[in-house]
């Protein structure tokens, strides 16, 4: 699975991450919402059911470590997360 993550880690920004999480959550029948006002500056909070994570500026790229942290916060398995290039 690590090669799967490496395929898109450097090319995903915050907006793409939110979009992919929404797709993933809808497929699982989960509630998802993004609240831009719940974050400092250009940050926002992404909620998936009772889980949440902070999404940095939605225009900037997400690094490997931050992506892994956000997936962990939302309890999303790396192999379940949709490919960002879709």
C-alpha atoms as a PDB file:
ATOM      1  CA  UNK A   1       0.000   0.000   0.000  1.00  0.00           C
ATOM      2  CA  UNK A   2       2.885   2.395   0.519  1.00  0.00           C
ATOM      3  CA  UNK A   3       3.489   2.619  -3.221  1.00  0.00           C
ATOM      4  CA  UNK A   4      -0.204   3.460  -3.635  1.00  0.00           C
ATOM      5  CA  UNK A   5       0.196   6.434  -1.282  1.00  0.00           C
ATOM      6  CA  UNK A   6       3.401   7.563  -2.933  1.00  0.00           C
ATOM      7  CA  UNK A   7       1.581   7.787  -6.257  1.00  0.00           C
ATOM      8  CA  UNK A   8      -0.318  10.870  -5.152  1.00  0.00           C
ATOM      9  CA  UNK A   9       1.166  12.216  -1.941  1.00  0.00           C
ATOM     10  CA  UNK A  10       2.956  15.174  -3.469  1.00  0.00           C
ATOM     11  CA  UNK A  11       0.123  16.216  -5.730  1.00  0.00           C
ATOM     12  CA  UNK A  12      -2.884  16.560  -3.405  1.00  0.00           C
ATOM     13  CA  UNK A  13      -3.988  19.885  -2.022  1.00  0.00           C
ATOM     14  CA  UNK A  14      -6.460  20.551   0.776  1.00  0.00           C
ATOM     15  CA  UNK A  15      -9.418  21.017  -1.559  1.00  0.00           C
ATOM     16  CA  UNK A  16      -8.740  17.678  -3.262  1.00  0.00           C
ATOM     17  CA  UNK A  17      -8.412  15.998   0.124  1.00  0.00           C
ATOM     18  CA  UNK A  18     -11.793  17.328   1.273  1.00  0.00           C
ATOM     19  CA  UNK A  19     -13.403  16.229  -2.013  1.00  0.00           C
ATOM     20  CA  UNK A  20     -11.968  12.708  -1.753  1.00  0.00           C
ATOM     21  CA  UNK A  21     -13.000  12.360   1.896  1.00  0.00           C
ATOM     22  CA  UNK A  22     -16.540  13.435   0.936  1.00  0.00           C
ATOM     23  CA  UNK A  23     -16.668  10.749  -1.758  1.00  0.00           C
ATOM     24  CA  UNK A  24     -15.310   8.139   0.625  1.00  0.00           C
ATOM     25  CA  UNK A  25     -17.737   9.105   3.392  1.00  0.00           C
ATOM     26  CA  UNK A  26     -20.772   9.156   1.085  1.00  0.00           C
ATOM     27  CA  UNK A  27     -19.925   5.659  -0.139  1.00  0.00           C
ATOM     28  CA  UNK A  28     -19.877   4.515   3.495  1.00  0.00           C
ATOM     29  CA  UNK A  29     -23.134   6.337   4.364  1.00  0.00           C
ATOM     30  CA  UNK A  30     -21.383   8.738   6.743  1.00  0.00           C
ATOM     31  CA  UNK A  31     -22.105  12.401   7.401  1.00  0.00           C
ATOM     32  CA  UNK A  32     -19.378  14.797   6.340  1.00  0.00           C
ATOM     33  CA  UNK A  33     -19.029  18.562   6.565  1.00  0.00           C
ATOM     34  CA  UNK A  34     -16.301  21.141   6.235  1.00  0.00           C
ATOM     35  CA  UNK A  35     -16.445  24.238   8.438  1.00  0.00           C
ATOM     36  CA  UNK A  36     -14.100  26.954   7.183  1.00  0.00           C
ATOM     37  CA  UNK A  37     -14.828  29.244  10.131  1.00  0.00           C
ATOM     38  CA  UNK A  38     -13.470  26.668  12.612  1.00  0.00           C
ATOM     39  CA  UNK A  39      -9.810  27.185  11.955  1.00  0.00           C
ATOM     40  CA  UNK A  40      -7.138  29.829  12.192  1.00  0.00           C
ATOM     41  CA  UNK A  41      -6.574  31.858   9.045  1.00  0.00           C
ATOM     42  CA  UNK A  42      -7.079  29.691   5.985  1.00  0.00           C
ATOM     43  CA  UNK A  43      -7.503  26.476   7.977  1.00  0.00           C
ATOM     44  CA  UNK A  44     -10.816  24.694   8.460  1.00  0.00           C
ATOM     45  CA  UNK A  45     -12.232  21.685  10.254  1.00  0.00           C
ATOM     46  CA  UNK A  46     -13.430  18.589   8.424  1.00  0.00           C
ATOM     47  CA  UNK A  47     -15.944  16.412  10.271  1.00  0.00           C
ATOM     48  CA  UNK A  48     -16.765  12.810   9.361  1.00  0.00           C
ATOM     49  CA  UNK A  49     -19.482  11.587  11.727  1.00  0.00           C
ATOM     50  CA  UNK A  50     -17.954  12.072  15.211  1.00  0.00           C
ATOM     51  CA  UNK A  51     -14.349  12.387  13.975  1.00  0.00           C
ATOM     52  CA  UNK A  52     -12.581  15.566  12.916  1.00  0.00           C
ATOM     53  CA  UNK A  53      -9.329  16.871  11.523  1.00  0.00           C
ATOM     54  CA  UNK A  54      -7.908  20.262  10.645  1.00  0.00           C
ATOM     55  CA  UNK A  55      -7.310  20.975   6.964  1.00  0.00           C
ATOM     56  CA  UNK A  56      -4.715  23.618   6.189  1.00  0.00           C
ATOM     57  CA  UNK A  57      -5.044  26.119   3.352  1.00  0.00           C
ATOM     58  CA  UNK A  58      -7.091  24.294   0.735  1.00  0.00           C
ATOM     59  CA  UNK A  59      -4.954  25.676  -2.085  1.00  0.00           C
ATOM     60  CA  UNK A  60      -1.643  24.385  -0.749  1.00  0.00           C
ATOM     61  CA  UNK A  61      -0.160  20.929  -1.169  1.00  0.00           C
ATOM     62  CA  UNK A  62      -0.470  18.406   1.650  1.00  0.00           C
ATOM     63  CA  UNK A  63       2.745  16.657   2.628  1.00  0.00           C
ATOM     64  CA  UNK A  64       3.055  12.942   3.330  1.00  0.00           C
ATOM     65  CA  UNK A  65       3.169  13.302   7.122  1.00  0.00           C
ATOM     66  CA  UNK A  66       0.189  15.642   7.304  1.00  0.00           C
ATOM     67  CA  UNK A  67      -1.879  13.435   4.998  1.00  0.00           C
ATOM     68  CA  UNK A  68      -1.156  10.407   7.176  1.00  0.00           C
ATOM     69  CA  UNK A  69      -2.086  12.410  10.297  1.00  0.00           C
ATOM     70  CA  UNK A  70      -5.390  13.581   8.807  1.00  0.00           C
ATOM     71  CA  UNK A  71      -6.291  10.050   7.694  1.00  0.00           C
ATOM     72  CA  UNK A  72      -5.486   8.800  11.194  1.00  0.00           C
ATOM     73  CA  UNK A  73      -7.601  11.555  12.793  1.00  0.00           C
ATOM     74  CA  UNK A  74     -10.559  10.523  10.628  1.00  0.00           C
ATOM     75  CA  UNK A  75      -9.865   6.809  11.190  1.00  0.00           C
ATOM     76  CA  UNK A  76      -9.562   6.161   7.455  1.00  0.00           C
ATOM     77  CA  UNK A  77      -7.417   3.217   6.454  1.00  0.00           C
ATOM     78  CA  UNK A  78      -4.853   4.185   3.825  1.00  0.00           C
ATOM     79  CA  UNK A  79      -5.962   1.372   1.522  1.00  0.00           C
ATOM     80  CA  UNK A  80      -9.590   2.594   1.729  1.00  0.00           C
ATOM     81  CA  UNK A  81      -8.806   6.155   0.740  1.00  0.00           C
ATOM     82  CA  UNK A  82      -9.640   6.873  -2.901  1.00  0.00           C
ATOM     83  CA  UNK A  83      -6.900   7.721  -5.346  1.00  0.00           C
ATOM     84  CA  UNK A  84      -6.615  11.490  -5.658  1.00  0.00           C
ATOM     85  CA  UNK A  85      -6.190  11.417  -9.406  1.00  0.00           C
ATOM     86  CA  UNK A  86      -9.790  10.362 -10.080  1.00  0.00           C
END
